Structures are given as structure tokens and as C-alpha cells.
C-alpha atoms as a PDB file:
ATOM      1  CA  UNK A   1       0.000   0.000   0.000  1.00  0.00           C
ATOM      2  CA  UNK A   2       3.014   2.209  -0.035  1.00  0.00           C
ATOM      3  CA  UNK A   3       2.814   5.260  -2.279  1.00  0.00           C
ATOM      4  CA  UNK A   4       6.508   5.960  -2.146  1.00  0.00           C
ATOM      5  CA  UNK A   5       7.975   7.239  -5.400  1.00  0.00           C
ATOM      6  CA  UNK A   6      11.253   5.374  -5.958  1.00  0.00           C
ATOM      7  CA  UNK A   7      14.275   7.622  -6.220  1.00  0.00           C
ATOM      8  CA  UNK A   8      16.854   7.061  -8.929  1.00  0.00           C
ATOM      9  CA  UNK A   9      20.473   8.110  -9.142  1.00  0.00           C
ATOM     10  CA  UNK A  10      20.863  10.433 -12.095  1.00  0.00           C
ATOM     11  CA  UNK A  11      24.078  11.032 -13.993  1.00  0.00           C
ATOM     12  CA  UNK A  12      23.927  14.699 -14.918  1.00  0.00           C
ATOM     13  CA  UNK A  13      24.739  15.899 -18.429  1.00  0.00           C
ATOM     14  CA  UNK A  14      27.844  17.709 -17.209  1.00  0.00           C
ATOM     15  CA  UNK A  15      29.135  14.387 -15.838  1.00  0.00           C
ATOM     16  CA  UNK A  16      28.355  12.453 -18.999  1.00  0.00           C
ATOM     17  CA  UNK A  17      31.131  11.068 -21.163  1.00  0.00           C
ATOM     18  CA  UNK A  18      29.279  12.488 -24.171  1.00  0.00           C
ATOM     19  CA  UNK A  19      29.048  16.065 -22.906  1.00  0.00           C
ATOM     20  CA  UNK A  20      31.696  17.164 -25.438  1.00  0.00           C
ATOM     21  CA  UNK A  21      30.250  15.237 -28.410  1.00  0.00           C
ATOM     22  CA  UNK A  22      27.831  17.977 -29.467  1.00  0.00           C
ATOM     23  CA  UNK A  23      28.094  21.334 -31.157  1.00  0.00           C
ATOM     24  CA  UNK A  24      27.800  24.425 -28.967  1.00  0.00           C
ATOM     25  CA  UNK A  25      24.123  25.108 -29.733  1.00  0.00           C
ATOM     26  CA  UNK A  26      23.041  21.508 -29.018  1.00  0.00           C
ATOM     27  CA  UNK A  27      25.179  21.360 -25.895  1.00  0.00           C
ATOM     28  CA  UNK A  28      23.523  24.534 -24.554  1.00  0.00           C
ATOM     29  CA  UNK A  29      20.035  23.049 -25.089  1.00  0.00           C
ATOM     30  CA  UNK A  30      21.083  19.780 -23.467  1.00  0.00           C
ATOM     31  CA  UNK A  31      22.405  21.662 -20.442  1.00  0.00           C
ATOM     32  CA  UNK A  32      19.072  23.480 -20.119  1.00  0.00           C
ATOM     33  CA  UNK A  33      17.220  20.146 -20.375  1.00  0.00           C
ATOM     34  CA  UNK A  34      19.538  18.789 -17.688  1.00  0.00           C
ATOM     35  CA  UNK A  35      18.693  21.677 -15.350  1.00  0.00           C
ATOM     36  CA  UNK A  36      14.981  21.161 -16.037  1.00  0.00           C
ATOM     37  CA  UNK A  37      15.264  17.433 -15.347  1.00  0.00           C
ATOM     38  CA  UNK A  38      17.047  18.183 -12.096  1.00  0.00           C
ATOM     39  CA  UNK A  39      14.095  20.342 -10.994  1.00  0.00           C
ATOM     40  CA  UNK A  40      11.676  17.514 -11.876  1.00  0.00           C
ATOM     41  CA  UNK A  41      13.719  15.070  -9.832  1.00  0.00           C
ATOM     42  CA  UNK A  42      13.717  17.442  -6.867  1.00  0.00           C
ATOM     43  CA  UNK A  43       9.926  17.744  -7.052  1.00  0.00           C
ATOM     44  CA  UNK A  44       9.589  13.963  -7.294  1.00  0.00           C
ATOM     45  CA  UNK A  45      11.643  13.558  -4.124  1.00  0.00           C
ATOM     46  CA  UNK A  46       9.419  16.068  -2.311  1.00  0.00           C
ATOM     47  CA  UNK A  47       6.324  14.298  -3.625  1.00  0.00           C
ATOM     48  CA  UNK A  48       7.662  11.006  -2.312  1.00  0.00           C
ATOM     49  CA  UNK A  49       7.977  12.477   1.180  1.00  0.00           C
ATOM     50  CA  UNK A  50       4.493  13.999   1.057  1.00  0.00           C
ATOM     51  CA  UNK A  51       2.906  10.810  -0.287  1.00  0.00           C
ATOM     52  CA  UNK A  52       4.578   8.841   2.478  1.00  0.00           C
ATOM     53  CA  UNK A  53       3.078  11.160   5.104  1.00  0.00           C
ATOM     54  CA  UNK A  54      -0.372  10.789   3.532  1.00  0.00           C
ATOM     55  CA  UNK A  55      -0.096   7.000   3.433  1.00  0.00           C
ATOM     56  CA  UNK A  56       0.976   6.908   7.071  1.00  0.00           C
ATOM     57  CA  UNK A  57      -2.012   9.079   7.987  1.00  0.00           C
ATOM     58  CA  UNK A  58      -4.491   6.837   6.202  1.00  0.00           C
ATOM     59  CA  UNK A  59      -2.886   3.674   7.558  1.00  0.00           C
ATOM     60  CA  UNK A  60      -3.774   4.945  11.033  1.00  0.00           C
ATOM     61  CA  UNK A  61      -7.329   5.674   9.904  1.00  0.00           C
ATOM     62  CA  UNK A  62      -7.703   2.180   8.395  1.00  0.00           C
ATOM     63  CA  UNK A  63      -6.348   0.300  11.394  1.00  0.00           C
ATOM     64  CA  UNK A  64      -9.450   0.368  13.679  1.00  0.00           C
ATOM     65  CA  UNK A  65     -11.615  -0.799  10.759  1.00  0.00           C
ATOM     66  CA  UNK A  66      -9.237  -3.666  10.009  1.00  0.00           C
ATOM     67  CA  UNK A  67      -9.465  -4.634  13.685  1.00  0.00           C
ATOM     68  CA  UNK A  68     -13.274  -4.373  13.668  1.00  0.00           C
ATOM     69  CA  UNK A  69     -13.418  -6.459  10.489  1.00  0.00           C
ATOM     70  CA  UNK A  70     -11.265  -9.179  12.049  1.00  0.00           C
ATOM     71  CA  UNK A  71     -13.503  -9.252  15.115  1.00  0.00           C
ATOM     72  CA  UNK A  72     -16.516  -9.747  12.858  1.00  0.00           C
ATOM     73  CA  UNK A  73     -14.740 -12.384  10.765  1.00  0.00           C
ATOM     74  CA  UNK A  74     -14.033 -14.371  13.952  1.00  0.00           C
ATOM     75  CA  UNK A  75     -17.749 -15.186  14.073  1.00  0.00           C
ATOM     76  CA  UNK A  76     -17.625 -17.010  10.717  1.00  0.00           C
ATOM     77  CA  UNK A  77     -16.030 -20.485  10.794  1.00  0.00           C
ATOM     78  CA  UNK A  78     -13.453 -21.169   8.080  1.00  0.00           C
ATOM     79  CA  UNK A  79     -13.636 -17.637   6.688  1.00  0.00           C
ATOM     80  CA  UNK A  80      -9.939 -17.314   5.850  1.00  0.00           C
ATOM     81  CA  UNK A  81      -9.408 -20.783   4.399  1.00  0.00           C
ATOM     82  CA  UNK A  82     -12.479 -20.252   2.213  1.00  0.00           C
ATOM     83  CA  UNK A  83     -11.170 -16.901   0.960  1.00  0.00           C
ATOM     84  CA  UNK A  84      -7.743 -18.423   0.284  1.00  0.00           C
ATOM     85  CA  UNK A  85      -9.188 -21.433  -1.532  1.00  0.00           C
ATOM     86  CA  UNK A  86     -11.298 -19.108  -3.677  1.00  0.00           C
ATOM     87  CA  UNK A  87      -8.362 -16.843  -4.547  1.00  0.00           C
ATOM     88  CA  UNK A  88      -7.040 -17.621  -8.059  1.00  0.00           C
ATOM     89  CA  UNK A  89      -3.415 -16.949  -7.098  1.00  0.00           C
ATOM     90  CA  UNK A  90      -3.415 -18.702  -3.726  1.00  0.00           C
ATOM     91  CA  UNK A  91      -5.538 -21.834  -4.080  1.00  0.00           C
ATOM     92  CA  UNK A  92      -2.808 -23.701  -5.989  1.00  0.00           C
ATOM     93  CA  UNK A  93      -0.535 -23.454  -2.942  1.00  0.00           C
ATOM     94  CA  UNK A  94      -2.591 -25.872  -0.880  1.00  0.00           C
ATOM     95  CA  UNK A  95      -2.414 -29.642  -0.991  1.00  0.00           C
ATOM     96  CA  UNK A  96      -5.005 -31.631   0.958  1.00  0.00           C
ATOM     97  CA  UNK A  97      -3.022 -31.736   4.209  1.00  0.00           C
ATOM     98  CA  UNK A  98      -2.243 -28.031   4.188  1.00  0.00           C
ATOM     99  CA  UNK A  99      -5.845 -27.227   3.385  1.00  0.00           C
ATOM    100  CA  UNK A 100      -6.892 -29.206   6.451  1.00  0.00           C
ATOM    101  CA  UNK A 101      -4.298 -27.389   8.557  1.00  0.00           C
ATOM    102  CA  UNK A 102      -5.501 -23.962   7.399  1.00  0.00           C
ATOM    103  CA  UNK A 103      -9.013 -24.815   8.541  1.00  0.00           C
ATOM    104  CA  UNK A 104      -7.532 -23.982  11.964  1.00  0.00           C
ATOM    105  CA  UNK A 105      -6.551 -20.464  10.794  1.00  0.00           C
ATOM    106  CA  UNK A 106      -8.666 -18.044  12.831  1.00  0.00           C
ATOM    107  CA  UNK A 107      -7.203 -14.648  11.958  1.00  0.00           C
ATOM    108  CA  UNK A 108      -4.898 -12.996   9.444  1.00  0.00           C
ATOM    109  CA  UNK A 109      -3.260  -9.596   9.873  1.00  0.00           C
ATOM    110  CA  UNK A 110      -1.065  -7.467   7.648  1.00  0.00           C
ATOM    111  CA  UNK A 111       0.597  -4.399   9.092  1.00  0.00           C
ATOM    112  CA  UNK A 112       3.192  -2.062   7.636  1.00  0.00           C
ATOM    113  CA  UNK A 113       6.004  -0.655   9.747  1.00  0.00           C
ATOM    114  CA  UNK A 114       5.534   2.925  10.900  1.00  0.00           C
ATOM    115  CA  UNK A 115       8.012   3.904   8.203  1.00  0.00           C
ATOM    116  CA  UNK A 116       6.068   2.063   5.500  1.00  0.00           C
ATOM    117  CA  UNK A 117       9.051   2.090   3.138  1.00  0.00           C
ATOM    118  CA  UNK A 118      10.984  -0.127   5.532  1.00  0.00           C
ATOM    119  CA  UNK A 119       8.697  -3.153   5.451  1.00  0.00           C
ATOM    120  CA  UNK A 120       5.670  -5.010   6.780  1.00  0.00           C
ATOM    121  CA  UNK A 121       4.683  -8.239   8.457  1.00  0.00           C
ATOM    122  CA  UNK A 122       1.989 -10.861   7.897  1.00  0.00           C
ATOM    123  CA  UNK A 123       0.581 -12.695  10.922  1.00  0.00           C
ATOM    124  CA  UNK A 124      -1.381 -15.947  10.857  1.00  0.00           C
ATOM    125  CA  UNK A 125      -3.296 -16.886  14.022  1.00  0.00           C
ATOM    126  CA  UNK A 126      -4.239 -20.510  14.668  1.00  0.00           C
ATOM    127  CA  UNK A 127      -6.442 -22.298  17.149  1.00  0.00           C
ATOM    128  CA  UNK A 128      -5.207 -25.481  18.821  1.00  0.00           C
ATOM    129  CA  UNK A 129      -4.478 -27.935  16.029  1.00  0.00           C
ATOM    130  CA  UNK A 130      -2.837 -31.350  15.436  1.00  0.00           C
ATOM    131  CA  UNK A 131      -0.016 -29.915  13.313  1.00  0.00           C
ATOM    132  CA  UNK A 132       2.073 -27.449  15.353  1.00  0.00           C
ATOM    133  CA  UNK A 133       2.316 -25.761  18.741  1.00  0.00           C
ATOM    134  CA  UNK A 134       2.451 -22.090  17.650  1.00  0.00           C
ATOM    135  CA  UNK A 135      -0.665 -19.988  18.120  1.00  0.00           C
ATOM    136  CA  UNK A 136       0.782 -17.252  15.857  1.00  0.00           C
ATOM    137  CA  UNK A 137       3.276 -17.495  13.017  1.00  0.00           C
ATOM    138  CA  UNK A 138       4.686 -14.339  11.447  1.00  0.00           C
ATOM    139  CA  UNK A 139       6.548 -13.557   8.255  1.00  0.00           C
ATOM    140  CA  UNK A 140       8.326 -10.199   8.348  1.00  0.00           C
ATOM    141  CA  UNK A 141       9.705  -8.280   5.359  1.00  0.00           C
ATOM    142  CA  UNK A 142      12.507  -5.722   5.592  1.00  0.00           C
ATOM    143  CA  UNK A 143      12.577  -3.480   2.530  1.00  0.00           C
ATOM    144  CA  UNK A 144      14.852  -0.665   3.710  1.00  0.00           C
ATOM    145  CA  UNK A 145      18.022  -1.983   2.110  1.00  0.00           C
ATOM    146  CA  UNK A 146      19.278  -2.532  -1.412  1.00  0.00           C
ATOM    147  CA  UNK A 147      18.442  -6.226  -1.046  1.00  0.00           C
ATOM    148  CA  UNK A 148      15.092  -6.865   0.692  1.00  0.00           C
ATOM    149  CA  UNK A 149      15.079  -9.651   3.261  1.00  0.00           C
ATOM    150  CA  UNK A 150      12.446 -11.650   5.124  1.00  0.00           C
ATOM    151  CA  UNK A 151      12.305 -13.757   8.253  1.00  0.00           C
ATOM    152  CA  UNK A 152       9.778 -16.325   9.475  1.00  0.00           C
ATOM    153  CA  UNK A 153       8.677 -17.632  12.835  1.00  0.00           C
ATOM    154  CA  UNK A 154      10.169 -21.034  13.543  1.00  0.00           C
ATOM    155  CA  UNK A 155       7.257 -23.446  13.477  1.00  0.00           C
ATOM    156  CA  UNK A 156       7.222 -25.975  16.328  1.00  0.00           C
ATOM    157  CA  UNK A 157       5.846 -29.031  14.566  1.00  0.00           C
ATOM    158  CA  UNK A 158       4.090 -31.755  16.510  1.00  0.00           C
ATOM    159  CA  UNK A 159       5.419 -35.274  16.248  1.00  0.00           C
ATOM    160  CA  UNK A 160       5.031 -36.700  12.757  1.00  0.00           C
ATOM    161  CA  UNK A 161       4.120 -33.344  11.180  1.00  0.00           C
ATOM    162  CA  UNK A 162       6.294 -31.172   8.952  1.00  0.00           C
ATOM    163  CA  UNK A 163       4.177 -29.540   6.274  1.00  0.00           C
ATOM    164  CA  UNK A 164       5.925 -27.961   3.307  1.00  0.00           C
ATOM    165  CA  UNK A 165       9.078 -30.017   3.759  1.00  0.00           C
ATOM    166  CA  UNK A 166       8.168 -32.851   1.414  1.00  0.00           C
ATOM    167  CA  UNK A 167       5.918 -32.236  -1.561  1.00  0.00           C
ATOM    168  CA  UNK A 168       4.231 -34.768  -3.801  1.00  0.00           C
ATOM    169  CA  UNK A 169       5.675 -34.731  -7.295  1.00  0.00           C
ATOM    170  CA  UNK A 170       2.504 -36.174  -8.758  1.00  0.00           C
ATOM    171  CA  UNK A 171      -0.209 -33.517  -8.903  1.00  0.00           C
ATOM    172  CA  UNK A 172      -3.722 -34.380 -10.027  1.00  0.00           C
ATOM    173  CA  UNK A 173      -4.488 -30.708 -10.574  1.00  0.00           C
ATOM    174  CA  UNK A 174      -3.205 -29.508 -13.954  1.00  0.00           C
ATOM    175  CA  UNK A 175      -2.843 -25.938 -12.740  1.00  0.00           C
ATOM    176  CA  UNK A 176      -0.626 -27.021  -9.866  1.00  0.00           C
ATOM    177  CA  UNK A 177       1.523 -29.164 -12.130  1.00  0.00           C
ATOM    178  CA  UNK A 178       2.681 -26.007 -13.905  1.00  0.00           C
ATOM    179  CA  UNK A 179       3.656 -24.327 -10.639  1.00  0.00           C
ATOM    180  CA  UNK A 180       7.024 -24.797  -9.017  1.00  0.00           C
ATOM    181  CA  UNK A 181       6.515 -27.377  -6.272  1.00  0.00           C
ATOM    182  CA  UNK A 182       5.648 -24.783  -3.660  1.00  0.00           C
ATOM    183  CA  UNK A 183       2.997 -24.958  -0.963  1.00  0.00           C
ATOM    184  CA  UNK A 184       1.820 -22.541   1.692  1.00  0.00           C
ATOM    185  CA  UNK A 185       4.270 -23.719   4.335  1.00  0.00           C
ATOM    186  CA  UNK A 186       7.194 -24.068   1.948  1.00  0.00           C
ATOM    187  CA  UNK A 187       6.503 -20.428   0.951  1.00  0.00           C
ATOM    188  CA  UNK A 188       6.236 -19.391   4.599  1.00  0.00           C
ATOM    189  CA  UNK A 189       9.608 -20.936   5.464  1.00  0.00           C
ATOM    190  CA  UNK A 190      11.393 -19.745   2.303  1.00  0.00           C
ATOM    191  CA  UNK A 191      13.369 -16.540   2.890  1.00  0.00           C
ATOM    192  CA  UNK A 192      15.838 -16.920   0.049  1.00  0.00           C
ATOM    193  CA  UNK A 193      14.544 -14.079  -2.122  1.00  0.00           C
ATOM    194  CA  UNK A 194      12.188 -11.564  -0.512  1.00  0.00           C
ATOM    195  CA  UNK A 195      12.453  -9.279  -3.545  1.00  0.00           C
ATOM    196  CA  UNK A 196      10.448 -11.647  -5.776  1.00  0.00           C
ATOM    197  CA  UNK A 197       7.954 -12.878  -3.181  1.00  0.00           C
ATOM    198  CA  UNK A 198       4.772 -12.558  -5.223  1.00  0.00           C
ATOM    199  CA  UNK A 199       2.712 -14.563  -2.712  1.00  0.00           C
ATOM    200  CA  UNK A 200       3.364 -12.011   0.027  1.00  0.00           C
ATOM    201  CA  UNK A 201       2.363  -9.205  -2.332  1.00  0.00           C
ATOM    202  CA  UNK A 202      -0.898 -10.976  -3.204  1.00  0.00           C
ATOM    203  CA  UNK A 203      -1.731 -11.470   0.480  1.00  0.00           C
ATOM    204  CA  UNK A 204      -0.797  -7.910   1.435  1.00  0.00           C
ATOM    205  CA  UNK A 205      -2.215  -5.957  -1.496  1.00  0.00           C
ATOM    206  CA  UNK A 206      -5.208  -8.083  -2.478  1.00  0.00           C
ATOM    207  CA  UNK A 207      -6.474 -10.719  -0.049  1.00  0.00           C
ATOM    208  CA  UNK A 208      -5.976  -8.582   3.061  1.00  0.00           C
ATOM    209  CA  UNK A 209      -7.509  -5.447   1.565  1.00  0.00           C
ATOM    210  CA  UNK A 210     -10.769  -7.161   0.585  1.00  0.00           C
ATOM    211  CA  UNK A 211     -11.097 -10.804   1.683  1.00  0.00           C
ATOM    212  CA  UNK A 212     -14.885 -10.659   1.523  1.00  0.00           C
ATOM    213  CA  UNK A 213     -14.905 -10.663  -2.276  1.00  0.00           C
ATOM    214  CA  UNK A 214     -13.101 -14.021  -2.258  1.00  0.00           C
ATOM    215  CA  UNK A 215     -15.147 -15.525   0.555  1.00  0.00           C
ATOM    216  CA  UNK A 216     -18.290 -14.730  -1.451  1.00  0.00           C
ATOM    217  CA  UNK A 217     -17.134 -16.271  -4.752  1.00  0.00           C
ATOM    218  CA  UNK A 218     -20.169 -18.220  -6.056  1.00  0.00           C
ATOM    219  CA  UNK A 219     -19.863 -22.007  -6.060  1.00  0.00           C
ATOM    220  CA  UNK A 220     -20.276 -22.181  -9.828  1.00  0.00           C
ATOM    221  CA  UNK A 221     -17.466 -19.684 -10.417  1.00  0.00           C
ATOM    222  CA  UNK A 222     -15.220 -21.431  -7.899  1.00  0.00           C
ATOM    223  CA  UNK A 223     -15.774 -24.805  -9.576  1.00  0.00           C
ATOM    224  CA  UNK A 224     -15.163 -23.259 -12.987  1.00  0.00           C
ATOM    225  CA  UNK A 225     -11.844 -21.701 -11.979  1.00  0.00           C
ATOM    226  CA  UNK A 226     -10.759 -24.080  -9.268  1.00  0.00           C
ATOM    227  CA  UNK A 227      -9.786 -27.683  -8.744  1.00  0.00           C
ATOM    228  CA  UNK A 228     -13.024 -29.373  -9.699  1.00  0.00           C
ATOM    229  CA  UNK A 229     -13.423 -27.487 -12.959  1.00  0.00           C
ATOM    230  CA  UNK A 230      -9.853 -28.183 -14.030  1.00  0.00           C
ATOM    231  CA  UNK A 231     -10.064 -31.878 -13.175  1.00  0.00           C
ATOM    232  CA  UNK A 232     -13.229 -32.167 -15.269  1.00  0.00           C
ATOM    233  CA  UNK A 233     -11.534 -30.383 -18.136  1.00  0.00           C
ATOM    234  CA  UNK A 234      -8.583 -32.771 -17.870  1.00  0.00           C
ATOM    235  CA  UNK A 235     -10.896 -35.790 -18.044  1.00  0.00           C
ATOM    236  CA  UNK A 236     -12.719 -34.329 -21.061  1.00  0.00           C
ATOM    237  CA  UNK A 237      -9.430 -33.826 -22.894  1.00  0.00           C
ATOM    238  CA  UNK A 238      -8.337 -37.358 -22.108  1.00  0.00           C
ATOM    239  CA  UNK A 239     -11.664 -38.589 -23.484  1.00  0.00           C
END
């Protein structure tokens, strides 16, 4: 949700290796363009600061409504797993065991750091379940460096459970077979490349902002775009 305008390091015309390649008239115009561009860059930097202040202001205004929404959601069993299963970019992450585990997900929260440019965290709250001991697992993203990083709560698995560590190679779902063998928990525990973490972006900028639209996906549309519809299509093609 950050509105920060990325800054870029500009090599000025006077510093360019080509500054002496032009005739005097062209060089004068280029220098004037350079000065103009410098003014634009200065304004962009000021705009970035102002936009950041506005975003911080509205983050504070949103927060009590996010909290109220989560309190209301807590009255609906399986709200979050339903929204995730109905989401076109997230449903392929779940195999049967992980889907069962996420039926114990009671609350999801996304919150940006006070300096929203520096990062955010995603929290998943779970009721008592047969898979792990944690009541909350958190994935935190640090974006205030040249190379973004992430860190995840260490999950305390119960005996015989270790979701996301071993993944079936044989997928019955055609859509999943085209994905890298990644599941929800393998994503959660993977902190190798925070810069290209598209799943986190989907959760933060889509699912979290309006989960109701995915919870309310009609059954017919879900079957058409989801597992059942694709399995039927696969059988038809085989026929």
C-alpha cells in the first residue's frame, strides 16, 4: 500500500562522457534540459515524502476498521481458508493436508512498519491444532536496504508433522503441475529471495484489503476456476 515514489540516481549531463560530443548550440540546449530534469527530480523527491506522510495518515485511519473487520470475521467459521481457496493466485498453494491445517486459521493480519518504506509483516493466528504448537506465526519483510530480506517464525511441529518439507511430485491438478513445487508452508519458510515474493504481495495488497470478495465467490465460479473445474476439463481432454 506504499505510495513511495522510488528515487533514482541520475548522472547529470555535465558528468556524462558524451558532454563534449555535441556542437555548442546543441550542448547549450542539453544543459538546459539537464537543469529542467534536475528540478523535476527534486519535485519527485518532495512528492515522495508527502505521499509517504499521507499514506501513514491513512494507515492509522484504516487500522481500527481492520481490527473491527477481524472481530466480525471471527464469528464465521473457516472464513480465511475459504477466501484463500477461492483466490485464483493462492488456491494452488494448498495440498489436501495443508488445506486441512488452514481450517484452523482463525485470523490474518497485515501491518506495515511505521516507516512504511521499511517493510511489513503478515501474521497468521491458529487455534489449537494437530499440526504445530504455535498460536501465531509471522513472516516479516525488511525493505529498507538494497536487497530486501524476510524472516519467518520457527514453526514448532508436533510429532510426525512437517508440512511444506516434502511435496508430492505427482499432482492431479493440472494448474498445480505447472507451478514450481511450492505450498503454503514451503513459501512461509522460504526466505531466500524476498524481492520476488509474489505470494506475500498478493496477500498484502489483495487478499488482506478485501477478503470478503473471495469468501463470497459463487460455487459455480469457484468450480469453474478451481480444482473441480480443471479436473473435469482434464478428463474431457483425455476422453
